[in-house]
Amino acid sequence: MQIQLTLNIDTATLQDLLAYLEETASEQEPAEAAAHALRYWLMAMREQPRSLEGPTLRGYQWKSLFLPEGTRLRMYCQHEYGYARVVGDQLIYQGRALTPNQFVTACSGGTRNAWRDLSVNFPDEKTWKLACVRRDELERLRKPAVPDAASGRQESVWSGRERRQNWARLDDVAFD
């Protein structure tokens, strides 16, 4: 014997369920259809990979600069622009997965500095910025501005002349 329990659901969901059963001319009872829907949902949830961090952020890690999925890279060469896009964990140009350096080489036909020659456009941004500018911005965010006194370098309290006068050679020091 199965034990039956009551679950509270909102009115809109119940109305959607009843409308669906009516549209499809289903002979299932609403409780039976709801139980079937819950079993189907549980099965789908169990098939999904579990992640402790929540949704996985996909993208391409270019040394210190992370390019999230959907980021576009652009290079101007030979009177036209070449475009690449980050898809999943790869940088794709003309259907091939490349590194930024390989993308620059494919566009220009020679060896160039990818940091200086590539412009980057992150998803949901309107402006393009050079990759070296984005890298420098990121570096500034990582290193807080600290005055010299707090940076660990100590200012000497002696002038150069006093320092020389008070300096002694190891041979001049008497040991007991």
Protein backbone atom coordinates (compact mmCIF):
# COMPACT_ATOMS: atom_id res chain seq x y z
CA MET A 1 0.00 0.00 0.00
CA GLN A 2 1.37 3.39 -1.02
CA ILE A 3 1.14 6.26 1.40
CA GLN A 4 -0.29 9.39 -0.20
CA LEU A 5 0.78 12.87 0.90
CA THR A 6 -0.48 16.27 -0.08
CA LEU A 7 1.85 18.84 -1.66
CA ASN A 8 0.92 22.48 -1.94
CA ILE A 9 1.47 24.01 -5.38
CA ASP A 10 0.58 27.47 -6.58
CA THR A 11 -2.67 28.01 -8.47
CA ALA A 12 -0.99 29.00 -11.75
CA THR A 13 0.98 25.72 -11.88
CA LEU A 14 -2.15 23.69 -11.13
CA GLN A 15 -4.06 25.56 -13.85
CA ASP A 16 -1.24 24.91 -16.34
CA LEU A 17 -1.30 21.21 -15.48
CA LEU A 18 -5.08 20.97 -15.85
CA ALA A 19 -4.99 22.90 -19.15
CA TYR A 20 -2.28 20.58 -20.49
CA LEU A 21 -4.24 17.48 -19.51
CA GLU A 22 -7.31 18.90 -21.23
CA GLU A 23 -5.42 19.95 -24.40
CA THR A 24 -3.85 16.53 -24.82
CA ALA A 25 -7.06 14.70 -23.90
CA SER A 26 -5.10 12.76 -21.32
CA GLU A 27 -6.97 10.29 -19.16
CA GLN A 28 -4.47 10.71 -16.30
CA GLU A 29 -5.69 12.14 -13.05
CA PRO A 30 -4.03 15.45 -12.05
CA ALA A 31 -2.33 13.82 -9.04
CA GLU A 32 -0.97 11.02 -11.23
CA ALA A 33 0.31 13.52 -13.86
CA ALA A 34 1.96 15.64 -11.11
CA ALA A 35 3.69 12.55 -9.67
CA HIS A 36 4.88 11.59 -13.15
CA ALA A 37 6.23 15.14 -13.73
CA LEU A 38 8.08 15.06 -10.39
CA ARG A 39 9.66 11.68 -11.21
CA TYR A 40 10.74 12.99 -14.63
CA TRP A 41 12.22 16.15 -13.03
CA LEU A 42 14.10 14.10 -10.41
CA MET A 43 15.55 11.84 -13.10
CA ALA A 44 16.73 14.86 -15.12
CA MET A 45 18.30 16.48 -12.05
CA ARG A 46 20.20 13.28 -11.19
CA GLU A 47 21.69 13.11 -14.69
CA GLN A 48 23.18 16.61 -14.41
CA PRO A 49 26.79 16.73 -13.21
CA ARG A 50 27.08 17.98 -9.66
CA SER A 51 29.28 20.97 -9.03
CA LEU A 52 30.16 22.41 -5.65
CA GLU A 53 31.04 25.81 -7.10
CA GLY A 54 27.71 26.32 -8.84
CA PRO A 55 27.54 27.02 -12.56
CA THR A 56 30.81 26.48 -14.37
CA LEU A 57 32.36 29.52 -16.01
CA ARG A 58 33.77 28.53 -19.38
CA GLY A 59 36.39 30.41 -21.29
CA TYR A 60 39.99 30.60 -22.47
CA GLN A 61 42.86 31.36 -20.07
CA TRP A 62 45.42 33.47 -21.91
CA LYS A 63 48.31 33.67 -19.46
CA SER A 64 47.11 36.21 -16.84
CA LEU A 65 43.99 37.27 -18.79
CA PHE A 66 40.81 35.15 -18.63
CA LEU A 67 38.59 35.42 -21.71
CA PRO A 68 35.06 34.26 -20.81
CA GLU A 69 32.98 32.35 -23.33
CA GLY A 70 31.60 34.70 -25.98
CA THR A 71 34.62 37.02 -25.94
CA ARG A 72 35.67 38.23 -29.39
CA LEU A 73 39.21 38.97 -30.55
CA ARG A 74 39.96 41.20 -33.51
CA MET A 75 43.09 41.96 -35.51
CA TYR A 76 43.50 44.45 -38.32
CA CYS A 77 45.86 43.30 -41.02
CA GLN A 78 46.09 43.73 -44.79
CA HIS A 79 43.16 46.18 -45.01
CA GLU A 80 40.65 43.96 -43.21
CA TYR A 81 39.77 42.62 -39.78
CA GLY A 82 40.18 39.03 -38.69
CA TYR A 83 37.84 37.86 -35.91
CA ALA A 84 38.06 34.96 -33.47
CA ARG A 85 35.62 33.97 -30.74
CA VAL A 86 35.92 32.08 -27.46
CA VAL A 87 33.63 29.04 -27.65
CA GLY A 88 33.63 26.83 -24.58
CA ASP A 89 37.28 26.59 -23.54
CA GLN A 90 38.77 27.27 -26.98
CA LEU A 91 39.61 30.25 -29.15
CA ILE A 92 38.07 29.56 -32.57
CA TYR A 93 39.19 31.19 -35.84
CA GLN A 94 37.83 29.94 -39.18
CA GLY A 95 36.61 26.74 -37.50
CA ARG A 96 39.97 25.88 -35.90
CA ALA A 97 41.02 26.05 -32.25
CA LEU A 98 44.07 28.31 -31.95
CA THR A 99 46.09 30.18 -29.36
CA PRO A 100 46.11 34.00 -29.56
CA ASN A 101 49.62 33.88 -31.03
CA GLN A 102 48.52 31.37 -33.70
CA PHE A 103 45.51 33.60 -34.49
CA VAL A 104 47.79 36.62 -35.03
CA THR A 105 50.11 34.54 -37.21
CA ALA A 106 47.17 33.23 -39.27
CA CYS A 107 45.83 36.77 -39.82
CA SER A 108 49.10 38.54 -40.49
CA GLY A 109 51.06 35.79 -42.16
CA GLY A 110 54.02 36.47 -39.86
CA THR A 111 55.10 36.63 -36.27
CA ARG A 112 53.70 39.56 -34.27
CA ASN A 113 53.12 40.39 -30.61
CA ALA A 114 49.57 39.21 -29.85
CA TRP A 115 49.30 41.40 -26.73
CA ARG A 116 49.88 44.56 -28.79
CA ASP A 117 48.05 43.58 -31.98
CA LEU A 118 44.82 41.99 -30.69
CA SER A 119 41.77 43.91 -29.56
CA VAL A 120 39.46 42.19 -27.07
CA ASN A 121 35.70 42.63 -26.69
CA PHE A 122 34.19 40.90 -23.66
CA PRO A 123 30.56 39.68 -23.78
CA ASP A 124 28.01 42.45 -23.12
CA GLU A 125 30.60 45.18 -23.78
CA LYS A 126 30.42 47.67 -26.63
CA THR A 127 34.05 48.77 -26.78
CA TRP A 128 37.18 47.05 -28.00
CA LYS A 129 40.44 47.38 -26.06
CA LEU A 130 43.93 46.20 -26.85
CA ALA A 131 44.85 43.01 -25.03
CA CYS A 132 47.90 44.68 -23.45
CA VAL A 133 45.64 47.43 -22.02
CA ARG A 134 43.27 44.84 -20.54
CA ARG A 135 46.23 42.92 -19.08
CA ASP A 136 47.62 46.11 -17.52
CA GLU A 137 44.21 47.02 -16.06
CA LEU A 138 43.96 43.59 -14.50
CA GLU A 139 47.49 43.87 -13.08
CA ARG A 140 46.64 47.23 -11.49
CA LEU A 141 43.56 45.69 -9.86
CA ARG A 142 45.64 42.85 -8.43
CA LYS A 143 48.37 45.13 -7.00
CA PRO A 144 46.92 47.76 -4.67
CA ALA A 145 48.61 51.17 -4.71
CA VAL A 146 50.77 51.36 -1.59
CA PRO A 147 52.94 54.27 -0.48
CA ASP A 148 56.70 53.60 -0.37
CA ALA A 149 56.82 53.60 3.43
CA ALA A 150 54.28 50.79 3.64
CA SER A 151 55.73 48.79 0.76
CA GLY A 152 58.49 47.33 2.91
CA ARG A 153 61.29 49.62 1.77
CA GLN A 154 62.58 51.57 4.73
CA GLU A 155 63.89 55.06 4.38
CA SER A 156 67.33 55.44 5.99
CA VAL A 157 67.48 57.83 8.92
CA TRP A 158 71.17 58.52 8.25
CA SER A 159 72.46 60.68 5.47
CA GLY A 160 75.09 59.15 3.20
CA ARG A 161 77.95 60.94 5.01
CA GLU A 162 76.81 59.82 8.48
CA ARG A 163 76.42 56.29 7.28
CA ARG A 164 80.03 56.20 6.08
CA GLN A 165 81.30 57.73 9.33
CA ASN A 166 79.53 55.17 11.49
CA TRP A 167 80.48 52.20 9.38
CA ALA A 168 83.10 49.82 10.71
CA ARG A 169 84.99 47.00 9.07
CA LEU A 170 84.64 43.57 10.53
CA ASP A 171 88.37 43.61 11.33
CA ASP A 172 87.86 46.69 13.51
CA VAL A 173 85.25 45.07 15.73
CA ALA A 174 86.60 43.55 18.93
CA PHE A 175 85.27 40.18 19.92
CA ASP A 176 85.37 38.83 23.47
